[in-house]
Amino acid sequence: MGDLLVSDPDEVALLGPQRASEQWSFYEKAAPRLQAGDQALIARMETTLAAVMAQIDCTACGRCCAHMGPAVSTDEAGLLAAALAVSAEDLRRRYLRPMWPGAAADDQVWLLPDPCPLHDGRLCTVYAARPQVCRDFPQAVGANAAERLAIWVDMARICPITYHTVERLLIAENDPTAANGA
């Protein structure tokens, strides 16, 4: 599949919703196989994602930073606070939001809001200290392959990498003679 990939996130924002129904139908068929441990499909997901990621510069987009509100662990909050030269309390007050408003700070799950206040519109201003979920997106977010695919399909409306990965998986699923995403 040597096709040219649309890397402009604005174009993907138009294409993604148009393809969402077919992509979710693909997910509905693939999820039970992934939950059963279909190694061929899992391998196809990995090779397809790698092939797409090799063609699209993730740092040229930043849409995930505008649409995701990831949890920040205590250790990650410490790294972020150090990178920003603020205290942990200042970090929470200025940059994070609570998952459960009203809960005690120590019992709280802290989230980066969306859009991320640490993103300048194109790049992360604390890239070296970014949370693990930000490091892992889109390749490893999700507890298992079925959850990863669901996240990819959901994010395909905004992320050029997940959009093309899902599209290539869908094509390969519908046409067994198609290449495995390369």
N, C-alpha and C. Protein backbone atom coordinates (compact mmCIF):
# COMPACT_ATOMS: atom_id res chain seq x y z
N MET A 1 0.84 -1.18 0.00
CA MET A 1 0.00 0.00 0.00
C MET A 1 0.88 1.23 0.00
N GLY A 2 1.37 1.59 -1.13
CA GLY A 2 2.25 2.73 -1.24
C GLY A 2 1.50 4.03 -1.42
N ASP A 3 0.27 4.09 -0.97
CA ASP A 3 -0.53 5.29 -1.16
C ASP A 3 0.00 6.46 -0.33
N LEU A 4 -0.28 7.66 -0.82
CA LEU A 4 0.09 8.85 -0.08
C LEU A 4 -0.87 9.01 1.08
N LEU A 5 -0.31 9.36 2.22
CA LEU A 5 -1.13 9.52 3.40
C LEU A 5 -1.44 10.99 3.64
N VAL A 6 -2.66 11.24 4.04
CA VAL A 6 -3.07 12.58 4.41
C VAL A 6 -2.51 12.85 5.80
N SER A 7 -1.56 13.76 5.88
CA SER A 7 -0.98 14.06 7.18
C SER A 7 -1.52 15.35 7.78
N ASP A 8 -2.28 16.11 7.00
CA ASP A 8 -2.86 17.35 7.50
C ASP A 8 -4.01 17.01 8.46
N PRO A 9 -3.87 17.38 9.73
CA PRO A 9 -4.92 17.04 10.70
C PRO A 9 -6.27 17.67 10.37
N ASP A 10 -6.28 18.80 9.68
CA ASP A 10 -7.56 19.40 9.29
C ASP A 10 -8.29 18.53 8.27
N GLU A 11 -7.53 17.95 7.34
CA GLU A 11 -8.14 17.05 6.36
C GLU A 11 -8.65 15.78 7.05
N VAL A 12 -7.87 15.26 7.98
CA VAL A 12 -8.29 14.07 8.72
C VAL A 12 -9.54 14.37 9.54
N ALA A 13 -9.64 15.60 10.06
CA ALA A 13 -10.82 15.99 10.83
C ALA A 13 -12.08 15.97 9.96
N LEU A 14 -11.91 16.14 8.66
CA LEU A 14 -13.04 16.03 7.74
C LEU A 14 -13.30 14.59 7.34
N LEU A 15 -12.23 13.84 7.07
CA LEU A 15 -12.36 12.45 6.63
C LEU A 15 -12.81 11.52 7.75
N GLY A 16 -12.26 11.72 8.94
CA GLY A 16 -12.53 10.82 10.05
C GLY A 16 -14.01 10.60 10.34
N PRO A 17 -14.78 11.67 10.51
CA PRO A 17 -16.21 11.47 10.76
C PRO A 17 -16.95 10.79 9.61
N GLN A 18 -16.49 11.03 8.38
CA GLN A 18 -17.12 10.39 7.23
C GLN A 18 -16.89 8.88 7.23
N ARG A 19 -15.78 8.45 7.79
CA ARG A 19 -15.41 7.03 7.78
C ARG A 19 -15.74 6.34 9.11
N ALA A 20 -16.19 7.09 10.10
CA ALA A 20 -16.36 6.56 11.45
C ALA A 20 -17.28 5.33 11.51
N SER A 21 -18.38 5.36 10.81
CA SER A 21 -19.33 4.24 10.86
C SER A 21 -18.68 2.95 10.38
N GLU A 22 -17.99 3.02 9.26
CA GLU A 22 -17.33 1.82 8.73
C GLU A 22 -16.18 1.38 9.64
N GLN A 23 -15.46 2.34 10.20
CA GLN A 23 -14.37 2.00 11.10
C GLN A 23 -14.89 1.34 12.37
N TRP A 24 -16.00 1.84 12.92
CA TRP A 24 -16.56 1.21 14.12
C TRP A 24 -17.12 -0.17 13.81
N SER A 25 -17.67 -0.36 12.61
CA SER A 25 -18.13 -1.70 12.21
C SER A 25 -16.96 -2.67 12.16
N PHE A 26 -15.83 -2.20 11.63
CA PHE A 26 -14.62 -3.02 11.62
C PHE A 26 -14.22 -3.37 13.05
N TYR A 27 -14.24 -2.39 13.94
CA TYR A 27 -13.89 -2.65 15.34
C TYR A 27 -14.80 -3.71 15.94
N GLU A 28 -16.10 -3.60 15.70
CA GLU A 28 -17.07 -4.55 16.27
C GLU A 28 -16.77 -5.99 15.83
N LYS A 29 -16.29 -6.15 14.60
CA LYS A 29 -15.93 -7.47 14.10
C LYS A 29 -14.58 -7.94 14.64
N ALA A 30 -13.65 -7.00 14.78
CA ALA A 30 -12.29 -7.34 15.20
C ALA A 30 -12.16 -7.55 16.70
N ALA A 31 -12.93 -6.83 17.49
CA ALA A 31 -12.77 -6.86 18.95
C ALA A 31 -12.87 -8.27 19.55
N PRO A 32 -13.87 -9.07 19.18
CA PRO A 32 -13.92 -10.42 19.75
C PRO A 32 -12.69 -11.26 19.40
N ARG A 33 -12.19 -11.08 18.19
CA ARG A 33 -10.97 -11.81 17.79
C ARG A 33 -9.77 -11.35 18.60
N LEU A 34 -9.68 -10.04 18.82
CA LEU A 34 -8.58 -9.52 19.62
C LEU A 34 -8.68 -9.98 21.07
N GLN A 35 -9.89 -9.98 21.60
CA GLN A 35 -10.10 -10.44 22.98
C GLN A 35 -9.77 -11.92 23.11
N ALA A 36 -9.93 -12.67 22.03
CA ALA A 36 -9.60 -14.10 22.05
C ALA A 36 -8.11 -14.34 21.79
N GLY A 37 -7.37 -13.25 21.54
CA GLY A 37 -5.93 -13.39 21.37
C GLY A 37 -5.47 -13.70 19.96
N ASP A 38 -6.21 -13.25 18.95
CA ASP A 38 -5.84 -13.48 17.55
C ASP A 38 -4.48 -12.84 17.27
N GLN A 39 -3.42 -13.64 17.31
CA GLN A 39 -2.06 -13.12 17.17
C GLN A 39 -1.79 -12.55 15.78
N ALA A 40 -2.42 -13.11 14.75
CA ALA A 40 -2.22 -12.58 13.40
C ALA A 40 -2.78 -11.16 13.29
N LEU A 41 -3.94 -10.93 13.87
CA LEU A 41 -4.54 -9.60 13.82
C LEU A 41 -3.75 -8.63 14.70
N ILE A 42 -3.31 -9.07 15.84
CA ILE A 42 -2.49 -8.23 16.71
C ILE A 42 -1.20 -7.84 16.01
N ALA A 43 -0.56 -8.79 15.36
CA ALA A 43 0.67 -8.50 14.61
C ALA A 43 0.39 -7.53 13.46
N ARG A 44 -0.74 -7.72 12.77
CA ARG A 44 -1.11 -6.81 11.68
C ARG A 44 -1.31 -5.40 12.22
N MET A 45 -1.93 -5.28 13.39
CA MET A 45 -2.10 -3.96 14.00
C MET A 45 -0.74 -3.30 14.23
N GLU A 46 0.19 -4.07 14.79
CA GLU A 46 1.51 -3.51 15.12
C GLU A 46 2.29 -3.13 13.87
N THR A 47 2.30 -4.00 12.87
CA THR A 47 3.06 -3.68 11.66
C THR A 47 2.42 -2.55 10.87
N THR A 48 1.11 -2.49 10.87
CA THR A 48 0.42 -1.42 10.16
C THR A 48 0.69 -0.08 10.84
N LEU A 49 0.58 -0.05 12.15
CA LEU A 49 0.86 1.18 12.89
C LEU A 49 2.30 1.63 12.64
N ALA A 50 3.24 0.71 12.70
CA ALA A 50 4.65 1.07 12.48
C ALA A 50 4.86 1.64 11.09
N ALA A 51 4.22 1.04 10.09
CA ALA A 51 4.37 1.53 8.71
C ALA A 51 3.80 2.94 8.57
N VAL A 52 2.66 3.19 9.19
CA VAL A 52 2.06 4.52 9.11
C VAL A 52 2.89 5.54 9.88
N MET A 53 3.35 5.16 11.08
CA MET A 53 4.15 6.08 11.88
C MET A 53 5.46 6.45 11.19
N ALA A 54 5.98 5.56 10.35
CA ALA A 54 7.21 5.85 9.62
C ALA A 54 6.98 6.92 8.55
N GLN A 55 5.72 7.14 8.17
CA GLN A 55 5.41 8.08 7.10
C GLN A 55 4.84 9.41 7.58
N ILE A 56 4.43 9.48 8.85
CA ILE A 56 3.80 10.70 9.36
C ILE A 56 4.53 11.16 10.61
N ASP A 57 4.93 12.42 10.63
CA ASP A 57 5.61 12.99 11.79
C ASP A 57 4.57 13.38 12.83
N CYS A 58 4.53 12.62 13.91
CA CYS A 58 3.55 12.84 14.96
C CYS A 58 3.67 14.25 15.57
N THR A 59 4.89 14.75 15.69
CA THR A 59 5.08 16.05 16.33
C THR A 59 4.64 17.22 15.45
N ALA A 60 4.26 16.95 14.21
CA ALA A 60 3.79 18.02 13.33
C ALA A 60 2.30 18.29 13.48
N CYS A 61 1.64 17.61 14.38
CA CYS A 61 0.19 17.69 14.49
C CYS A 61 -0.25 18.30 15.82
N GLY A 62 -0.21 17.52 16.88
CA GLY A 62 -0.62 18.00 18.20
C GLY A 62 -2.10 17.93 18.49
N ARG A 63 -2.88 17.32 17.61
CA ARG A 63 -4.32 17.25 17.84
C ARG A 63 -4.67 16.42 19.08
N CYS A 64 -3.92 15.37 19.35
CA CYS A 64 -4.23 14.57 20.54
C CYS A 64 -4.13 15.43 21.80
N CYS A 65 -3.19 16.37 21.80
CA CYS A 65 -3.00 17.24 22.95
C CYS A 65 -4.17 18.21 23.14
N ALA A 66 -4.92 18.42 22.10
CA ALA A 66 -6.09 19.28 22.18
C ALA A 66 -7.35 18.51 22.54
N HIS A 67 -7.31 17.17 22.44
CA HIS A 67 -8.53 16.38 22.60
C HIS A 67 -8.45 15.29 23.67
N MET A 68 -7.30 15.09 24.26
CA MET A 68 -7.18 14.06 25.30
C MET A 68 -6.95 14.75 26.63
N GLY A 69 -7.42 14.17 27.69
CA GLY A 69 -7.18 14.69 29.03
C GLY A 69 -6.60 13.59 29.89
N PRO A 70 -5.31 13.25 29.66
CA PRO A 70 -4.75 12.08 30.32
C PRO A 70 -4.53 12.27 31.82
N ALA A 71 -4.59 11.16 32.54
CA ALA A 71 -4.26 11.15 33.96
C ALA A 71 -2.76 11.35 34.12
N VAL A 72 -2.39 12.01 35.20
CA VAL A 72 -0.99 12.27 35.52
C VAL A 72 -0.70 11.61 36.87
N SER A 73 0.22 10.66 36.88
CA SER A 73 0.57 9.99 38.13
C SER A 73 1.34 10.95 39.04
N THR A 74 1.51 10.56 40.29
CA THR A 74 2.26 11.38 41.24
C THR A 74 3.68 11.59 40.76
N ASP A 75 4.33 10.52 40.28
CA ASP A 75 5.70 10.64 39.77
C ASP A 75 5.75 11.57 38.56
N GLU A 76 4.78 11.42 37.66
CA GLU A 76 4.75 12.28 36.48
C GLU A 76 4.50 13.73 36.85
N ALA A 77 3.64 13.94 37.86
CA ALA A 77 3.39 15.31 38.33
C ALA A 77 4.68 15.93 38.86
N GLY A 78 5.49 15.12 39.55
CA GLY A 78 6.77 15.61 40.05
C GLY A 78 7.70 16.02 38.92
N LEU A 79 7.74 15.22 37.86
CA LEU A 79 8.57 15.56 36.70
C LEU A 79 8.07 16.82 36.00
N LEU A 80 6.75 16.92 35.87
CA LEU A 80 6.18 18.11 35.25
C LEU A 80 6.45 19.35 36.08
N ALA A 81 6.26 19.24 37.39
CA ALA A 81 6.50 20.38 38.27
C ALA A 81 7.96 20.84 38.16
N ALA A 82 8.88 19.89 38.16
CA ALA A 82 10.30 20.23 38.03
C ALA A 82 10.59 20.90 36.69
N ALA A 83 10.01 20.37 35.62
CA ALA A 83 10.23 20.94 34.28
C ALA A 83 9.67 22.36 34.18
N LEU A 84 8.61 22.61 34.91
CA LEU A 84 7.98 23.93 34.89
C LEU A 84 8.51 24.85 35.99
N ALA A 85 9.35 24.30 36.86
CA ALA A 85 9.91 25.05 38.00
C ALA A 85 8.81 25.60 38.89
N VAL A 86 7.83 24.73 39.20
CA VAL A 86 6.75 25.09 40.12
C VAL A 86 6.62 23.99 41.16
N SER A 87 5.92 24.26 42.24
CA SER A 87 5.67 23.24 43.25
C SER A 87 4.58 22.29 42.76
N ALA A 88 4.46 21.15 43.40
CA ALA A 88 3.41 20.18 43.06
C ALA A 88 2.04 20.82 43.23
N GLU A 89 1.88 21.62 44.29
CA GLU A 89 0.60 22.31 44.52
C GLU A 89 0.31 23.31 43.41
N ASP A 90 1.33 24.08 43.01
CA ASP A 90 1.15 25.03 41.91
C ASP A 90 0.81 24.31 40.60
N LEU A 91 1.45 23.17 40.38
CA LEU A 91 1.16 22.39 39.18
C LEU A 91 -0.31 22.01 39.16
N ARG A 92 -0.79 21.46 40.27
CA ARG A 92 -2.21 21.05 40.33
C ARG A 92 -3.13 22.25 40.14
N ARG A 93 -2.82 23.34 40.80
CA ARG A 93 -3.68 24.52 40.75
C ARG A 93 -3.68 25.16 39.36
N ARG A 94 -2.52 25.24 38.73
CA ARG A 94 -2.39 25.98 37.47
C ARG A 94 -2.57 25.14 36.22
N TYR A 95 -2.23 23.84 36.28
CA TYR A 95 -2.17 23.06 35.05
C TYR A 95 -3.04 21.80 35.02
N LEU A 96 -3.46 21.30 36.17
CA LEU A 96 -4.22 20.05 36.20
C LEU A 96 -5.65 20.29 36.61
N ARG A 97 -6.48 19.28 36.40
CA ARG A 97 -7.87 19.34 36.90
C ARG A 97 -8.17 18.03 37.61
N PRO A 98 -9.01 18.11 38.62
CA PRO A 98 -9.33 16.88 39.36
C PRO A 98 -10.35 16.03 38.61
N MET A 99 -10.17 14.72 38.70
CA MET A 99 -11.17 13.82 38.13
C MET A 99 -12.43 13.86 38.99
N TRP A 100 -12.23 13.95 40.31
CA TRP A 100 -13.34 13.95 41.25
C TRP A 100 -13.33 15.24 42.06
N PRO A 101 -13.93 16.30 41.56
CA PRO A 101 -13.95 17.55 42.32
C PRO A 101 -14.51 17.30 43.72
N GLY A 102 -13.85 17.89 44.69
CA GLY A 102 -14.30 17.74 46.07
C GLY A 102 -13.55 16.67 46.85
N ALA A 103 -12.90 15.74 46.16
CA ALA A 103 -12.13 14.69 46.85
C ALA A 103 -10.84 15.31 47.40
N ALA A 104 -10.31 14.73 48.44
CA ALA A 104 -9.05 15.20 49.01
C ALA A 104 -7.94 15.11 47.97
N ALA A 105 -7.02 16.05 47.99
CA ALA A 105 -5.95 16.11 47.00
C ALA A 105 -5.17 14.80 46.93
N ASP A 106 -4.91 14.18 48.08
CA ASP A 106 -4.13 12.94 48.09
C ASP A 106 -4.90 11.75 47.54
N ASP A 107 -6.23 11.83 47.54
CA ASP A 107 -7.08 10.76 47.01
C ASP A 107 -7.50 11.02 45.57
N GLN A 108 -7.07 12.11 45.03
CA GLN A 108 -7.52 12.58 43.74
C GLN A 108 -6.73 11.96 42.59
N VAL A 109 -7.39 11.80 41.47
CA VAL A 109 -6.70 11.50 40.21
C VAL A 109 -6.66 12.83 39.48
N TRP A 110 -5.44 13.23 39.11
CA TRP A 110 -5.26 14.51 38.45
C TRP A 110 -5.10 14.31 36.95
N LEU A 111 -5.76 15.17 36.19
CA LEU A 111 -5.78 15.07 34.74
C LEU A 111 -5.24 16.35 34.11
N LEU A 112 -4.57 16.19 32.99
CA LEU A 112 -4.29 17.35 32.17
C LEU A 112 -5.59 17.67 31.45
N PRO A 113 -6.01 18.91 31.44
CA PRO A 113 -7.25 19.24 30.73
C PRO A 113 -7.05 19.18 29.22
N ASP A 114 -8.15 19.22 28.50
CA ASP A 114 -8.03 19.36 27.06
C ASP A 114 -8.68 20.68 26.66
N PRO A 115 -8.01 21.50 25.91
CA PRO A 115 -6.67 21.28 25.37
C PRO A 115 -5.61 21.37 26.47
N CYS A 116 -4.52 20.70 26.23
CA CYS A 116 -3.44 20.64 27.22
C CYS A 116 -2.79 22.02 27.36
N PRO A 117 -2.70 22.51 28.59
CA PRO A 117 -2.08 23.81 28.79
C PRO A 117 -0.56 23.79 28.62
N LEU A 118 0.01 22.61 28.46
CA LEU A 118 1.45 22.48 28.29
C LEU A 118 1.84 22.35 26.82
N HIS A 119 0.87 22.52 25.95
CA HIS A 119 1.08 22.39 24.51
C HIS A 119 0.92 23.77 23.89
N ASP A 120 1.83 24.13 23.01
CA ASP A 120 1.78 25.47 22.42
C ASP A 120 1.01 25.54 21.10
N GLY A 121 0.27 24.49 20.79
CA GLY A 121 -0.48 24.44 19.54
C GLY A 121 0.14 23.52 18.51
N ARG A 122 1.44 23.31 18.62
CA ARG A 122 2.14 22.38 17.74
C ARG A 122 3.01 21.41 18.51
N LEU A 123 3.64 21.89 19.58
CA LEU A 123 4.59 21.05 20.32
C LEU A 123 4.34 21.13 21.82
N CYS A 124 4.75 20.07 22.49
CA CYS A 124 4.70 20.03 23.94
C CYS A 124 5.83 20.89 24.49
N THR A 125 5.50 21.77 25.41
CA THR A 125 6.52 22.66 25.97
C THR A 125 7.37 21.97 27.03
N VAL A 126 6.97 20.80 27.46
CA VAL A 126 7.73 20.01 28.45
C VAL A 126 7.91 18.58 27.93
N TYR A 127 8.28 18.47 26.66
CA TYR A 127 8.32 17.19 25.96
C TYR A 127 9.07 16.10 26.72
N ALA A 128 10.23 16.43 27.26
CA ALA A 128 11.04 15.42 27.97
C ALA A 128 10.37 14.95 29.26
N ALA A 129 9.46 15.74 29.81
CA ALA A 129 8.80 15.39 31.07
C ALA A 129 7.33 14.99 30.86
N ARG A 130 6.91 14.81 29.63
CA ARG A 130 5.49 14.52 29.37
C ARG A 130 5.10 13.18 29.99
N PRO A 131 3.82 13.03 30.38
CA PRO A 131 3.35 11.78 30.99
C PRO A 131 3.50 10.58 30.05
N GLN A 132 3.53 9.40 30.62
CA GLN A 132 3.72 8.17 29.85
C GLN A 132 2.65 7.98 28.79
N VAL A 133 1.40 8.29 29.11
CA VAL A 133 0.34 8.12 28.12
C VAL A 133 0.60 8.99 26.90
N CYS A 134 1.18 10.15 27.10
CA CYS A 134 1.54 11.01 25.97
C CYS A 134 2.68 10.39 25.17
N ARG A 135 3.62 9.77 25.86
CA ARG A 135 4.73 9.10 25.18
C ARG A 135 4.23 7.90 24.38
N ASP A 136 3.24 7.22 24.90
CA ASP A 136 2.74 5.99 24.29
C ASP A 136 1.73 6.21 23.17
N PHE A 137 1.13 7.38 23.09
CA PHE A 137 0.10 7.59 22.09
C PHE A 137 0.72 7.73 20.72
N PRO A 138 0.17 7.10 19.69
CA PRO A 138 -0.99 6.21 19.70
C PRO A 138 -0.64 4.74 19.81
N GLN A 139 0.65 4.42 19.86
CA GLN A 139 1.05 3.04 19.69
C GLN A 139 0.69 2.10 20.84
N ALA A 140 0.72 2.56 22.06
CA ALA A 140 0.57 1.62 23.17
C ALA A 140 -0.51 2.01 24.16
N VAL A 141 -1.34 2.97 23.83
CA VAL A 141 -2.40 3.36 24.75
C VAL A 141 -3.48 2.29 24.73
N GLY A 142 -3.88 1.84 25.90
CA GLY A 142 -4.89 0.79 26.02
C GLY A 142 -4.30 -0.43 26.70
N ALA A 143 -5.11 -1.07 27.51
CA ALA A 143 -4.65 -2.21 28.31
C ALA A 143 -4.42 -3.47 27.47
N ASN A 144 -5.09 -3.57 26.34
CA ASN A 144 -4.96 -4.75 25.49
C ASN A 144 -5.24 -4.34 24.05
N ALA A 145 -5.08 -5.27 23.13
CA ALA A 145 -5.22 -4.95 21.71
C ALA A 145 -6.62 -4.46 21.35
N ALA A 146 -7.65 -5.03 21.94
CA ALA A 146 -9.02 -4.59 21.64
C ALA A 146 -9.23 -3.16 22.12
N GLU A 147 -8.73 -2.86 23.30
CA GLU A 147 -8.87 -1.49 23.82
C GLU A 147 -8.05 -0.51 22.98
N ARG A 148 -6.86 -0.93 22.55
CA ARG A 148 -6.05 -0.07 21.70
C ARG A 148 -6.78 0.24 20.40
N LEU A 149 -7.36 -0.79 19.79
CA LEU A 149 -8.08 -0.56 18.53
C LEU A 149 -9.26 0.38 18.75
N ALA A 150 -9.98 0.23 19.84
CA ALA A 150 -11.10 1.14 20.13
C ALA A 150 -10.61 2.58 20.26
N ILE A 151 -9.49 2.78 20.91
CA ILE A 151 -8.92 4.12 21.05
C ILE A 151 -8.50 4.65 19.69
N TRP A 152 -7.87 3.80 18.88
CA TRP A 152 -7.46 4.23 17.54
C TRP A 152 -8.67 4.66 16.71
N VAL A 153 -9.73 3.86 16.74
CA VAL A 153 -10.92 4.21 15.96
C VAL A 153 -11.52 5.51 16.48
N ASP A 154 -11.57 5.68 17.79
CA ASP A 154 -12.10 6.91 18.36
C ASP A 154 -11.25 8.11 17.96
N MET A 155 -9.95 7.96 17.98
CA MET A 155 -9.05 9.07 17.66
C MET A 155 -8.85 9.26 16.16
N ALA A 156 -9.34 8.35 15.34
CA ALA A 156 -9.18 8.46 13.89
C ALA A 156 -9.85 9.70 13.33
N ARG A 157 -10.73 10.30 14.08
CA ARG A 157 -11.38 11.52 13.60
C ARG A 157 -10.49 12.75 13.76
N ILE A 158 -9.38 12.60 14.51
CA ILE A 158 -8.50 13.76 14.71
C ILE A 158 -7.03 13.47 14.44
N CYS A 159 -6.62 12.21 14.48
CA CYS A 159 -5.20 11.85 14.40
C CYS A 159 -4.88 11.21 13.05
N PRO A 160 -4.00 11.82 12.26
CA PRO A 160 -3.64 11.22 10.97
C PRO A 160 -3.07 9.81 11.11
N ILE A 161 -2.29 9.55 12.14
CA ILE A 161 -1.69 8.22 12.30
C ILE A 161 -2.75 7.18 12.59
N THR A 162 -3.64 7.43 13.54
CA THR A 162 -4.66 6.43 13.84
C THR A 162 -5.66 6.30 12.70
N TYR A 163 -5.96 7.41 12.03
CA TYR A 163 -6.88 7.35 10.89
C TYR A 163 -6.36 6.37 9.84
N HIS A 164 -5.12 6.56 9.42
CA HIS A 164 -4.57 5.71 8.36
C HIS A 164 -4.31 4.29 8.83
N THR A 165 -3.97 4.12 10.09
CA THR A 165 -3.77 2.76 10.61
C THR A 165 -5.08 1.99 10.55
N VAL A 166 -6.16 2.61 11.02
CA VAL A 166 -7.47 1.94 11.00
C VAL A 166 -7.92 1.69 9.57
N GLU A 167 -7.72 2.67 8.70
CA GLU A 167 -8.12 2.49 7.30
C GLU A 167 -7.36 1.33 6.65
N ARG A 168 -6.08 1.24 6.90
CA ARG A 168 -5.29 0.14 6.32
C ARG A 168 -5.70 -1.20 6.92
N LEU A 169 -5.99 -1.23 8.19
CA LEU A 169 -6.46 -2.48 8.81
C LEU A 169 -7.80 -2.90 8.22
N LEU A 170 -8.66 -1.94 8.03
CA LEU A 170 -9.98 -2.20 7.45
C LEU A 170 -9.84 -2.74 6.02
N ILE A 171 -8.96 -2.13 5.23
CA ILE A 171 -8.73 -2.60 3.86
C ILE A 171 -8.19 -4.03 3.88
N ALA A 172 -7.21 -4.29 4.73
CA ALA A 172 -6.61 -5.63 4.81
C ALA A 172 -7.65 -6.66 5.25
N GLU A 173 -8.53 -6.26 6.14
CA GLU A 173 -9.58 -7.17 6.62
C GLU A 173 -10.56 -7.50 5.50
N ASN A 174 -10.88 -6.51 4.69
CA ASN A 174 -11.86 -6.70 3.61
C ASN A 174 -11.25 -7.28 2.35
N ASP A 175 -9.91 -7.19 2.21
CA ASP A 175 -9.23 -7.69 1.03
C ASP A 175 -8.00 -8.48 1.49
N PRO A 176 -8.14 -9.77 1.69
CA PRO A 176 -7.02 -10.58 2.21
C PRO A 176 -5.78 -10.55 1.32
N THR A 177 -5.92 -10.11 0.06
CA THR A 177 -4.75 -10.05 -0.82
C THR A 177 -3.99 -8.73 -0.62
N ALA A 178 -4.57 -7.78 0.15
CA ALA A 178 -3.90 -6.50 0.38
C ALA A 178 -2.68 -6.72 1.27
N ALA A 179 -1.71 -5.86 1.11
CA ALA A 179 -0.50 -5.94 1.95
C ALA A 179 -0.88 -5.69 3.40
N ASN A 180 -0.04 -6.12 4.31
CA ASN A 180 -0.36 -6.03 5.73
C ASN A 180 -0.06 -4.67 6.33
N GLY A 181 -0.21 -3.63 5.57
CA GLY A 181 -0.05 -2.29 6.12
C GLY A 181 1.25 -1.64 5.75
N ALA A 182 2.10 -2.36 5.04
CA ALA A 182 3.39 -1.77 4.68
C ALA A 182 3.24 -0.77 3.56
